């Protein structure tokens, strides 16, 4: 499994909110659902941001970096 770093920013201010990790499935789910999904390295499983806290992230846009190894 290949993990890519995902930088999450506030769409209005551009402020960086978090750095997380995505595998292909997390990226697919994020693009399909419009909610942020990540790979938890500590639990070794997918997780939807906010599934326990209620603080979900609505995704407005997903961009790859110039060489495609980060989001």
PDB file of N, CA and C in Angstrom:
ATOM      1  N   UNK A   1       0.845  -1.172   0.000  1.00  0.00           N
ATOM      2  CA  UNK A   1       0.000   0.000   0.000  1.00  0.00           C
ATOM      3  C   UNK A   1       0.895   1.241   0.000  1.00  0.00           C
ATOM      4  N   UNK A   2       0.559   2.164  -0.877  1.00  0.00           N
ATOM      5  CA  UNK A   2       1.286   3.430  -0.946  1.00  0.00           C
ATOM      6  C   UNK A   2       0.475   4.515  -0.247  1.00  0.00           C
ATOM      7  N   UNK A   3       1.098   5.201   0.690  1.00  0.00           N
ATOM      8  CA  UNK A   3       0.456   6.318   1.378  1.00  0.00           C
ATOM      9  C   UNK A   3       1.020   7.627   0.850  1.00  0.00           C
ATOM     10  N   UNK A   4       0.125   8.603   0.709  1.00  0.00           N
ATOM     11  CA  UNK A   4       0.549   9.932   0.271  1.00  0.00           C
ATOM     12  C   UNK A   4       0.138  10.946   1.335  1.00  0.00           C
ATOM     13  N   UNK A   5       1.004  11.926   1.620  1.00  0.00           N
ATOM     14  CA  UNK A   5       0.602  12.972   2.555  1.00  0.00           C
ATOM     15  C   UNK A   5      -0.508  13.818   1.951  1.00  0.00           C
ATOM     16  N   UNK A   6      -1.463  14.206   2.779  1.00  0.00           N
ATOM     17  CA  UNK A   6      -2.572  15.063   2.358  1.00  0.00           C
ATOM     18  C   UNK A   6      -2.596  16.287   3.272  1.00  0.00           C
ATOM     19  N   UNK A   7      -2.377  17.444   2.685  1.00  0.00           N
ATOM     20  CA  UNK A   7      -2.417  18.702   3.422  1.00  0.00           C
ATOM     21  C   UNK A   7      -3.846  19.231   3.355  1.00  0.00           C
ATOM     22  N   UNK A   8      -4.449  19.469   4.498  1.00  0.00           N
ATOM     23  CA  UNK A   8      -5.829  19.958   4.557  1.00  0.00           C
ATOM     24  C   UNK A   8      -5.791  21.444   4.910  1.00  0.00           C
ATOM     25  N   UNK A   9      -6.436  22.251   4.057  1.00  0.00           N
ATOM     26  CA  UNK A   9      -6.460  23.692   4.268  1.00  0.00           C
ATOM     27  C   UNK A   9      -7.887  24.209   4.360  1.00  0.00           C
ATOM     28  N   UNK A  10      -8.068  25.300   5.103  1.00  0.00           N
ATOM     29  CA  UNK A  10      -9.341  26.010   5.132  1.00  0.00           C
ATOM     30  C   UNK A  10      -9.516  26.684   3.777  1.00  0.00           C
ATOM     31  N   UNK A  11     -10.661  26.477   3.139  1.00  0.00           N
ATOM     32  CA  UNK A  11     -10.854  26.994   1.780  1.00  0.00           C
ATOM     33  C   UNK A  11     -10.948  28.517   1.737  1.00  0.00           C
ATOM     34  N   UNK A  12     -11.387  29.141   2.807  1.00  0.00           N
ATOM     35  CA  UNK A  12     -11.525  30.602   2.820  1.00  0.00           C
ATOM     36  C   UNK A  12     -10.205  31.306   3.133  1.00  0.00           C
ATOM     37  N   UNK A  13      -9.504  30.826   4.150  1.00  0.00           N
ATOM     38  CA  UNK A  13      -8.293  31.521   4.602  1.00  0.00           C
ATOM     39  C   UNK A  13      -7.002  30.935   4.040  1.00  0.00           C
ATOM     40  N   UNK A  14      -7.045  29.664   3.601  1.00  0.00           N
ATOM     41  CA  UNK A  14      -5.826  28.994   3.155  1.00  0.00           C
ATOM     42  C   UNK A  14      -4.998  28.437   4.300  1.00  0.00           C
ATOM     43  N   UNK A  15      -5.453  28.629   5.528  1.00  0.00           N
ATOM     44  CA  UNK A  15      -4.727  28.144   6.699  1.00  0.00           C
ATOM     45  C   UNK A  15      -4.650  26.619   6.688  1.00  0.00           C
ATOM     46  N   UNK A  16      -3.481  26.081   6.987  1.00  0.00           N
ATOM     47  CA  UNK A  16      -3.305  24.632   7.063  1.00  0.00           C
ATOM     48  C   UNK A  16      -3.950  24.132   8.350  1.00  0.00           C
ATOM     49  N   UNK A  17      -4.854  23.165   8.201  1.00  0.00           N
ATOM     50  CA  UNK A  17      -5.573  22.605   9.345  1.00  0.00           C
ATOM     51  C   UNK A  17      -4.934  21.328   9.861  1.00  0.00           C
ATOM     52  N   UNK A  18      -4.411  20.520   8.945  1.00  0.00           N
ATOM     53  CA  UNK A  18      -3.818  19.255   9.368  1.00  0.00           C
ATOM     54  C   UNK A  18      -3.018  18.624   8.238  1.00  0.00           C
ATOM     55  N   UNK A  19      -2.148  17.709   8.622  1.00  0.00           N
ATOM     56  CA  UNK A  19      -1.456  16.823   7.694  1.00  0.00           C
ATOM     57  C   UNK A  19      -1.928  15.425   8.031  1.00  0.00           C
ATOM     58  N   UNK A  20      -2.410  14.709   7.036  1.00  0.00           N
ATOM     59  CA  UNK A  20      -2.872  13.337   7.243  1.00  0.00           C
ATOM     60  C   UNK A  20      -2.331  12.483   6.100  1.00  0.00           C
ATOM     61  N   UNK A  21      -2.682  11.216   6.097  1.00  0.00           N
ATOM     62  CA  UNK A  21      -2.205  10.281   5.075  1.00  0.00           C
ATOM     63  C   UNK A  21      -3.386   9.667   4.351  1.00  0.00           C
ATOM     64  N   UNK A  22      -3.233   9.482   3.042  1.00  0.00           N
ATOM     65  CA  UNK A  22      -4.272   8.851   2.228  1.00  0.00           C
ATOM     66  C   UNK A  22      -3.676   7.713   1.419  1.00  0.00           C
ATOM     67  N   UNK A  23      -4.428   6.624   1.340  1.00  0.00           N
ATOM     68  CA  UNK A  23      -4.128   5.589   0.363  1.00  0.00           C
ATOM     69  C   UNK A  23      -5.115   5.785  -0.791  1.00  0.00           C
ATOM     70  N   UNK A  24      -5.079   4.912  -1.784  1.00  0.00           N
ATOM     71  CA  UNK A  24      -5.968   5.059  -2.942  1.00  0.00           C
ATOM     72  C   UNK A  24      -7.442   5.022  -2.547  1.00  0.00           C
ATOM     73  N   UNK A  25      -7.790   4.156  -1.598  1.00  0.00           N
ATOM     74  CA  UNK A  25      -9.186   4.029  -1.172  1.00  0.00           C
ATOM     75  C   UNK A  25      -9.663   5.291  -0.452  1.00  0.00           C
ATOM     76  N   UNK A  26      -8.834   5.861   0.399  1.00  0.00           N
ATOM     77  CA  UNK A  26      -9.203   7.104   1.090  1.00  0.00           C
ATOM     78  C   UNK A  26      -9.409   8.235   0.086  1.00  0.00           C
ATOM     79  N   UNK A  27      -8.548   8.308  -0.913  1.00  0.00           N
ATOM     80  CA  UNK A  27      -8.714   9.341  -1.937  1.00  0.00           C
ATOM     81  C   UNK A  27     -10.006   9.126  -2.726  1.00  0.00           C
ATOM     82  N   UNK A  28     -10.286   7.879  -3.090  1.00  0.00           N
ATOM     83  CA  UNK A  28     -11.511   7.576  -3.838  1.00  0.00           C
ATOM     84  C   UNK A  28     -12.748   7.947  -3.024  1.00  0.00           C
ATOM     85  N   UNK A  29     -12.785   7.531  -1.759  1.00  0.00           N
ATOM     86  CA  UNK A  29     -13.932   7.840  -0.897  1.00  0.00           C
ATOM     87  C   UNK A  29     -14.099   9.349  -0.709  1.00  0.00           C
ATOM     88  N   UNK A  30     -12.999  10.050  -0.554  1.00  0.00           N
ATOM     89  CA  UNK A  30     -13.050  11.507  -0.400  1.00  0.00           C
ATOM     90  C   UNK A  30     -13.653  12.151  -1.637  1.00  0.00           C
ATOM     91  N   UNK A  31     -13.189  11.744  -2.812  1.00  0.00           N
ATOM     92  CA  UNK A  31     -13.704  12.322  -4.059  1.00  0.00           C
ATOM     93  C   UNK A  31     -15.179  11.962  -4.271  1.00  0.00           C
ATOM     94  N   UNK A  32     -15.570  10.736  -3.910  1.00  0.00           N
ATOM     95  CA  UNK A  32     -16.953  10.295  -4.132  1.00  0.00           C
ATOM     96  C   UNK A  32     -17.947  10.879  -3.131  1.00  0.00           C
ATOM     97  N   UNK A  33     -17.536  11.024  -1.873  1.00  0.00           N
ATOM     98  CA  UNK A  33     -18.480  11.442  -0.832  1.00  0.00           C
ATOM     99  C   UNK A  33     -18.438  12.932  -0.523  1.00  0.00           C
ATOM    100  N   UNK A  34     -17.340  13.586  -0.859  1.00  0.00           N
ATOM    101  CA  UNK A  34     -17.195  14.996  -0.502  1.00  0.00           C
ATOM    102  C   UNK A  34     -16.836  15.211   0.959  1.00  0.00           C
ATOM    103  N   UNK A  35     -16.537  14.129   1.672  1.00  0.00           N
ATOM    104  CA  UNK A  35     -16.053  14.205   3.045  1.00  0.00           C
ATOM    105  C   UNK A  35     -14.637  13.641   3.086  1.00  0.00           C
ATOM    106  N   UNK A  36     -13.835  14.147   4.017  1.00  0.00           N
ATOM    107  CA  UNK A  36     -12.433  13.739   4.100  1.00  0.00           C
ATOM    108  C   UNK A  36     -12.288  12.357   4.737  1.00  0.00           C
ATOM    109  N   UNK A  37     -11.615  11.470   4.018  1.00  0.00           N
ATOM    110  CA  UNK A  37     -11.255  10.136   4.497  1.00  0.00           C
ATOM    111  C   UNK A  37      -9.743  10.038   4.492  1.00  0.00           C
ATOM    112  N   UNK A  38      -9.179   9.367   5.497  1.00  0.00           N
ATOM    113  CA  UNK A  38      -7.733   9.234   5.607  1.00  0.00           C
ATOM    114  C   UNK A  38      -7.370   7.804   5.997  1.00  0.00           C
ATOM    115  N   UNK A  39      -6.077   7.512   5.950  1.00  0.00           N
ATOM    116  CA  UNK A  39      -5.560   6.252   6.444  1.00  0.00           C
ATOM    117  C   UNK A  39      -4.933   6.521   7.804  1.00  0.00           C
ATOM    118  N   UNK A  40      -5.385   5.809   8.817  1.00  0.00           N
ATOM    119  CA  UNK A  40      -4.815   5.925  10.152  1.00  0.00           C
ATOM    120  C   UNK A  40      -3.634   4.971  10.260  1.00  0.00           C
ATOM    121  N   UNK A  41      -2.448   5.520  10.411  1.00  0.00           N
ATOM    122  CA  UNK A  41      -1.268   4.664  10.553  1.00  0.00           C
ATOM    123  C   UNK A  41      -1.264   3.959  11.900  1.00  0.00           C
ATOM    124  N   UNK A  42      -1.784   4.590  12.940  1.00  0.00           N
ATOM    125  CA  UNK A  42      -1.779   3.955  14.264  1.00  0.00           C
ATOM    126  C   UNK A  42      -2.776   2.803  14.360  1.00  0.00           C
ATOM    127  N   UNK A  43      -3.932   2.937  13.681  1.00  0.00           N
ATOM    128  CA  UNK A  43      -4.943   1.872  13.708  1.00  0.00           C
ATOM    129  C   UNK A  43      -4.853   0.956  12.498  1.00  0.00           C
ATOM    130  N   UNK A  44      -4.057   1.346  11.515  1.00  0.00           N
ATOM    131  CA  UNK A  44      -3.919   0.594  10.260  1.00  0.00           C
ATOM    132  C   UNK A  44      -5.278   0.355   9.609  1.00  0.00           C
ATOM    133  N   UNK A  45      -6.052   1.450   9.494  1.00  0.00           N
ATOM    134  CA  UNK A  45      -7.370   1.341   8.873  1.00  0.00           C
ATOM    135  C   UNK A  45      -7.813   2.703   8.335  1.00  0.00           C
ATOM    136  N   UNK A  46      -8.826   2.655   7.468  1.00  0.00           N
ATOM    137  CA  UNK A  46      -9.429   3.883   6.965  1.00  0.00           C
ATOM    138  C   UNK A  46     -10.228   4.558   8.068  1.00  0.00           C
ATOM    139  N   UNK A  47     -10.290   5.882   8.034  1.00  0.00           N
ATOM    140  CA  UNK A  47     -11.170   6.602   8.950  1.00  0.00           C
ATOM    141  C   UNK A  47     -11.704   7.853   8.275  1.00  0.00           C
ATOM    142  N   UNK A  48     -12.960   8.131   8.563  1.00  0.00           N
ATOM    143  CA  UNK A  48     -13.598   9.352   8.067  1.00  0.00           C
ATOM    144  C   UNK A  48     -13.405  10.417   9.125  1.00  0.00           C
ATOM    145  N   UNK A  49     -12.830  11.538   8.733  1.00  0.00           N
ATOM    146  CA  UNK A  49     -12.591  12.620   9.693  1.00  0.00           C
ATOM    147  C   UNK A  49     -13.905  13.002  10.360  1.00  0.00           C
ATOM    148  N   UNK A  50     -13.909  12.944  11.681  1.00  0.00           N
ATOM    149  CA  UNK A  50     -15.089  13.311  12.449  1.00  0.00           C
ATOM    150  C   UNK A  50     -16.005  12.164  12.806  1.00  0.00           C
ATOM    151  N   UNK A  51     -15.643  10.937  12.443  1.00  0.00           N
ATOM    152  CA  UNK A  51     -16.549   9.820  12.717  1.00  0.00           C
ATOM    153  C   UNK A  51     -16.777   9.612  14.212  1.00  0.00           C
ATOM    154  N   UNK A  52     -15.828   9.981  15.050  1.00  0.00           N
ATOM    155  CA  UNK A  52     -16.049   9.873  16.495  1.00  0.00           C
ATOM    156  C   UNK A  52     -16.279  11.234  17.144  1.00  0.00           C
ATOM    157  N   UNK A  53     -15.602  12.261  16.662  1.00  0.00           N
ATOM    158  CA  UNK A  53     -15.715  13.594  17.279  1.00  0.00           C
ATOM    159  C   UNK A  53     -16.896  14.404  16.765  1.00  0.00           C
ATOM    160  N   UNK A  54     -17.356  14.074  15.564  1.00  0.00           N
ATOM    161  CA  UNK A  54     -18.407  14.870  14.943  1.00  0.00           C
ATOM    162  C   UNK A  54     -17.880  16.048  14.144  1.00  0.00           C
ATOM    163  N   UNK A  55     -16.566  16.287  14.193  1.00  0.00           N
ATOM    164  CA  UNK A  55     -15.944  17.393  13.464  1.00  0.00           C
ATOM    165  C   UNK A  55     -15.508  16.932  12.075  1.00  0.00           C
ATOM    166  N   UNK A  56     -16.478  16.790  11.186  1.00  0.00           N
ATOM    167  CA  UNK A  56     -16.187  16.318   9.835  1.00  0.00           C
ATOM    168  C   UNK A  56     -15.574  17.431   8.996  1.00  0.00           C
ATOM    169  N   UNK A  57     -14.978  17.048   7.878  1.00  0.00           N
ATOM    170  CA  UNK A  57     -14.412  18.005   6.931  1.00  0.00           C
ATOM    171  C   UNK A  57     -15.110  17.848   5.593  1.00  0.00           C
ATOM    172  N   UNK A  58     -15.805  18.886   5.166  1.00  0.00           N
ATOM    173  CA  UNK A  58     -16.404  18.901   3.831  1.00  0.00           C
ATOM    174  C   UNK A  58     -15.315  19.306   2.841  1.00  0.00           C
ATOM    175  N   UNK A  59     -15.142  18.520   1.798  1.00  0.00           N
ATOM    176  CA  UNK A  59     -14.074  18.755   0.826  1.00  0.00           C
ATOM    177  C   UNK A  59     -14.619  19.542  -0.357  1.00  0.00           C
ATOM    178  N   UNK A  60     -13.979  20.653  -0.643  1.00  0.00           N
ATOM    179  CA  UNK A  60     -14.380  21.483  -1.778  1.00  0.00           C
ATOM    180  C   UNK A  60     -13.547  21.195  -3.016  1.00  0.00           C
ATOM    181  N   UNK A  61     -12.299  20.795  -2.815  1.00  0.00           N
ATOM    182  CA  UNK A  61     -11.404  20.571  -3.949  1.00  0.00           C
ATOM    183  C   UNK A  61     -10.271  19.652  -3.516  1.00  0.00           C
ATOM    184  N   UNK A  62      -9.832  18.789  -4.419  1.00  0.00           N
ATOM    185  CA  UNK A  62      -8.668  17.936  -4.191  1.00  0.00           C
ATOM    186  C   UNK A  62      -7.670  18.233  -5.297  1.00  0.00           C
ATOM    187  N   UNK A  63      -6.448  18.550  -4.909  1.00  0.00           N
ATOM    188  CA  UNK A  63      -5.390  18.832  -5.888  1.00  0.00           C
ATOM    189  C   UNK A  63      -4.185  17.943  -5.615  1.00  0.00           C
ATOM    190  N   UNK A  64      -3.607  17.433  -6.685  1.00  0.00           N
ATOM    191  CA  UNK A  64      -2.326  16.732  -6.594  1.00  0.00           C
ATOM    192  C   UNK A  64      -1.214  17.763  -6.665  1.00  0.00           C
ATOM    193  N   UNK A  65      -0.060  17.442  -6.075  1.00  0.00           N
ATOM    194  CA  UNK A  65       1.080  18.332  -6.256  1.00  0.00           C
ATOM    195  C   UNK A  65       1.705  18.069  -7.623  1.00  0.00           C
ATOM    196  N   UNK A  66       2.781  18.770  -7.937  1.00  0.00           N
ATOM    197  CA  UNK A  66       3.335  18.741  -9.297  1.00  0.00           C
ATOM    198  C   UNK A  66       3.827  17.364  -9.729  1.00  0.00           C
ATOM    199  N   UNK A  67       4.299  16.538  -8.805  1.00  0.00           N
ATOM    200  CA  UNK A  67       4.774  15.209  -9.211  1.00  0.00           C
ATOM    201  C   UNK A  67       3.863  14.082  -8.736  1.00  0.00           C
ATOM    202  N   UNK A  68       2.696  14.426  -8.222  1.00  0.00           N
ATOM    203  CA  UNK A  68       1.680  13.429  -7.921  1.00  0.00           C
ATOM    204  C   UNK A  68       1.909  12.580  -6.693  1.00  0.00           C
ATOM    205  N   UNK A  69       2.817  13.014  -5.793  1.00  0.00           N
ATOM    206  CA  UNK A  69       3.061  12.182  -4.618  1.00  0.00           C
ATOM    207  C   UNK A  69       2.512  12.786  -3.325  1.00  0.00           C
ATOM    208  N   UNK A  70       1.700  13.825  -3.450  1.00  0.00           N
ATOM    209  CA  UNK A  70       1.043  14.434  -2.290  1.00  0.00           C
ATOM    210  C   UNK A  70      -0.254  15.087  -2.749  1.00  0.00           C
ATOM    211  N   UNK A  71      -1.157  15.258  -1.805  1.00  0.00           N
ATOM    212  CA  UNK A  71      -2.436  15.917  -2.079  1.00  0.00           C
ATOM    213  C   UNK A  71      -2.542  17.167  -1.227  1.00  0.00           C
TER     214      UNK A  71
END
